[in-house]
Amino acid sequence: MHLVQVPKANGPFEIVEREVPEPSPMQVRIKVQACGICHGDSVTKQGLFPGIKYPRVPGHEIAGVIDKVGKDVVEWKLDKELQ
């Protein structure tokens, strides 16, 4: 998957590729279709949060669809067309 990260405090945004993670047994995976950036992400990019670790992927306000469920998730079933 492609994502944008900040490699260090005050660093440039960079596009990188990472493996698509598998959900843990009690998690679902969401395929992000849109993502918002807020003021907190700006503060993160600037390195103003004490103890923050980098690289950091900004954006936590997402919209998407569940595309995979962990093996112990019982409250959600995927549409057969998505599998």
Protein backbone atom coordinates (compact mmCIF):
# COMPACT_ATOMS: atom_id res chain seq x y z
CA MET A 1 0.00 0.00 0.00
CA HIS A 2 1.12 3.57 -0.56
CA LEU A 3 1.08 6.06 2.27
CA VAL A 4 2.46 9.43 3.21
CA GLN A 5 4.72 9.71 6.23
CA VAL A 6 6.83 12.28 8.03
CA PRO A 7 10.29 10.73 8.56
CA LYS A 8 11.41 13.10 11.35
CA ALA A 9 10.36 16.25 13.15
CA ASN A 10 10.06 19.08 10.59
CA GLY A 11 10.83 16.56 7.86
CA PRO A 12 9.22 16.59 4.42
CA PHE A 13 6.19 14.50 3.59
CA GLU A 14 7.29 11.41 1.68
CA ILE A 15 5.36 8.73 -0.17
CA VAL A 16 6.41 5.21 0.83
CA GLU A 17 5.17 1.69 0.25
CA ARG A 18 4.43 -0.76 3.05
CA GLU A 19 2.90 -4.21 3.27
CA VAL A 20 -0.86 -4.29 3.77
CA PRO A 21 -1.32 -5.39 7.40
CA GLU A 22 -3.45 -8.36 8.35
CA PRO A 23 -6.03 -7.74 11.09
CA SER A 24 -5.43 -9.35 14.47
CA PRO A 25 -8.03 -11.89 15.64
CA MET A 26 -10.35 -9.25 17.18
CA GLN A 27 -9.75 -6.46 14.65
CA VAL A 28 -11.12 -5.42 11.28
CA ARG A 29 -9.09 -3.90 8.47
CA ILE A 30 -10.45 -0.77 6.80
CA LYS A 31 -9.59 0.12 3.23
CA VAL A 32 -9.25 3.89 3.42
CA GLN A 33 -11.03 5.79 0.67
CA ALA A 34 -10.51 9.31 2.03
CA CYS A 35 -8.46 10.80 4.86
CA GLY A 36 -8.48 14.20 6.50
CA ILE A 37 -5.56 16.04 8.04
CA CYS A 38 -6.19 18.23 11.09
CA HIS A 39 -4.23 20.70 13.22
CA GLY A 40 -2.94 17.84 15.42
CA ASP A 41 -1.22 16.40 12.37
CA SER A 42 0.47 19.75 11.75
CA VAL A 43 1.78 19.73 15.34
CA THR A 44 3.00 16.15 14.81
CA LYS A 45 4.84 17.13 11.63
CA GLN A 46 6.55 19.96 13.49
CA GLY A 47 7.66 17.62 16.28
CA LEU A 48 5.88 19.53 19.03
CA PHE A 49 4.41 16.50 20.84
CA PRO A 50 6.88 15.35 23.53
CA GLY A 51 8.23 11.83 23.01
CA ILE A 52 6.65 11.27 19.59
CA LYS A 53 8.30 8.55 17.51
CA TYR A 54 9.03 8.82 13.81
CA PRO A 55 8.38 7.98 11.05
CA ARG A 56 4.79 9.06 11.61
CA VAL A 57 1.80 8.69 9.28
CA PRO A 58 -0.51 11.70 9.62
CA GLY A 59 -4.25 11.48 9.22
CA HIS A 60 -6.69 9.80 11.58
CA GLU A 61 -9.98 11.12 10.23
CA ILE A 62 -10.81 8.46 7.68
CA ALA A 63 -13.68 7.16 5.60
CA GLY A 64 -13.51 3.68 4.15
CA VAL A 65 -14.91 0.18 4.01
CA ILE A 66 -14.14 -2.91 6.04
CA ASP A 67 -12.30 -5.23 3.66
CA LYS A 68 -11.15 -7.98 6.05
CA VAL A 69 -12.13 -9.24 9.49
CA GLY A 70 -10.02 -11.04 12.07
CA LYS A 71 -10.81 -14.69 12.75
CA ASP A 72 -12.50 -13.99 16.10
CA VAL A 73 -14.74 -11.14 14.93
CA VAL A 74 -18.31 -12.39 15.22
CA GLU A 75 -20.31 -9.16 15.03
CA TRP A 76 -19.47 -8.44 11.39
CA LYS A 77 -19.65 -10.47 8.21
CA LEU A 78 -18.15 -9.37 4.90
CA ASP A 79 -20.28 -9.14 1.82
CA LYS A 80 -19.34 -12.14 -0.39
CA GLU A 81 -18.53 -9.73 -3.24
CA LEU A 82 -15.70 -8.19 -1.18
CA GLN A 83 -14.01 -11.51 -0.39
